[in-house]
Structure formats: structure tokens, C-alpha cells
């Protein structure tokens, strides 16, 4: 569960993105696992997921561009 206020918006780089509504200070906790809200998967279940028929999606690869 996200612990910071966010919004969806156009990234201008890769389509739709999730953005913080305010600056986040270094060291701020931004996420925590919340049973009943977040899902947990066994590694074997994740490994068993097949890629899309058209090949891996570019959206599946994180882009950690720095600004």
C-alpha cells in the first residue's frame, strides 16, 4: 500500500505514469505490505507466468531514468 499521495498522469516518456503529488524527502517510507489489500505470490507462481503472445512488453521493463 502506498503511503504517499499520488496521481496518474502522462509521463511524456512512456505514456501513463504514477507520480507523487509532493516532493518526498530522502528516507521517507513510501510503501508497506498491507495484508488484504496487497497480494503476495510464491516465486514459483511468478516464474510460471507466460509472457504475452506478442513478446515481452516494454511496460514490463522498469525505466529508472533520473532527472
Protein backbone atom coordinates (compact mmCIF):
# COMPACT_ATOMS: atom_id res chain seq x y z
CA UNK A 1 0.00 0.00 0.00
CA UNK A 2 1.37 3.38 -0.94
CA UNK A 3 1.89 5.73 1.98
CA UNK A 4 2.30 8.92 -0.07
CA UNK A 5 -0.29 10.89 -2.02
CA UNK A 6 -0.05 10.09 -5.74
CA UNK A 7 -1.72 10.85 -9.05
CA UNK A 8 -1.86 9.27 -12.50
CA UNK A 9 -0.62 11.38 -15.38
CA UNK A 10 1.12 11.43 -18.71
CA UNK A 11 4.82 10.75 -18.33
CA UNK A 12 5.77 12.33 -21.63
CA UNK A 13 8.23 9.49 -21.98
CA UNK A 14 6.37 6.18 -21.76
CA UNK A 15 2.68 7.03 -21.62
CA UNK A 16 0.85 6.80 -18.31
CA UNK A 17 2.73 7.09 -15.02
CA UNK A 18 2.21 7.28 -11.27
CA UNK A 19 3.60 10.44 -9.69
CA UNK A 20 3.90 11.75 -6.14
CA UNK A 21 1.81 14.87 -5.54
CA UNK A 22 4.56 16.41 -3.42
CA UNK A 23 8.32 16.07 -3.00
CA UNK A 24 9.34 13.06 -0.94
CA UNK A 25 12.20 13.52 1.49
CA UNK A 26 15.06 11.04 1.27
CA UNK A 27 14.45 8.13 3.63
CA UNK A 28 10.66 8.55 3.68
CA UNK A 29 8.82 5.22 3.74
CA UNK A 30 6.61 5.23 0.63
CA UNK A 31 5.15 1.71 0.65
CA UNK A 32 4.26 -1.07 3.07
CA UNK A 33 2.77 -4.53 2.59
CA UNK A 34 -0.84 -4.50 3.79
CA UNK A 35 -2.49 -7.96 4.01
CA UNK A 36 -5.94 -7.95 2.46
CA UNK A 37 -5.01 -5.13 0.12
CA UNK A 38 -1.67 -6.17 -1.41
CA UNK A 39 -1.19 -9.59 -2.96
CA UNK A 40 1.65 -11.98 -2.22
CA UNK A 41 2.80 -14.61 -4.73
CA UNK A 42 5.11 -17.58 -4.33
CA UNK A 43 8.23 -17.25 -6.54
CA UNK A 44 7.28 -20.43 -8.44
CA UNK A 45 3.89 -18.92 -9.36
CA UNK A 46 5.58 -15.78 -10.70
CA UNK A 47 8.11 -17.86 -12.66
CA UNK A 48 5.24 -19.84 -14.23
CA UNK A 49 3.61 -16.76 -15.78
CA UNK A 50 3.92 -16.83 -19.56
CA UNK A 51 4.93 -13.68 -21.48
CA UNK A 52 2.30 -12.05 -23.73
CA UNK A 53 1.86 -13.67 -27.17
CA UNK A 54 3.48 -10.68 -28.88
CA UNK A 55 6.62 -10.92 -26.76
CA UNK A 56 7.64 -9.10 -23.60
CA UNK A 57 6.00 -5.73 -23.19
CA UNK A 58 8.18 -2.66 -22.88
CA UNK A 59 5.95 -1.72 -19.94
CA UNK A 60 7.20 -4.77 -18.05
CA UNK A 61 10.73 -3.36 -18.01
CA UNK A 62 11.18 -0.58 -15.45
CA UNK A 63 12.80 2.58 -16.72
CA UNK A 64 14.59 4.27 -13.85
CA UNK A 65 15.53 7.44 -15.68
CA UNK A 66 16.95 10.12 -13.43
CA UNK A 67 16.20 13.77 -13.80
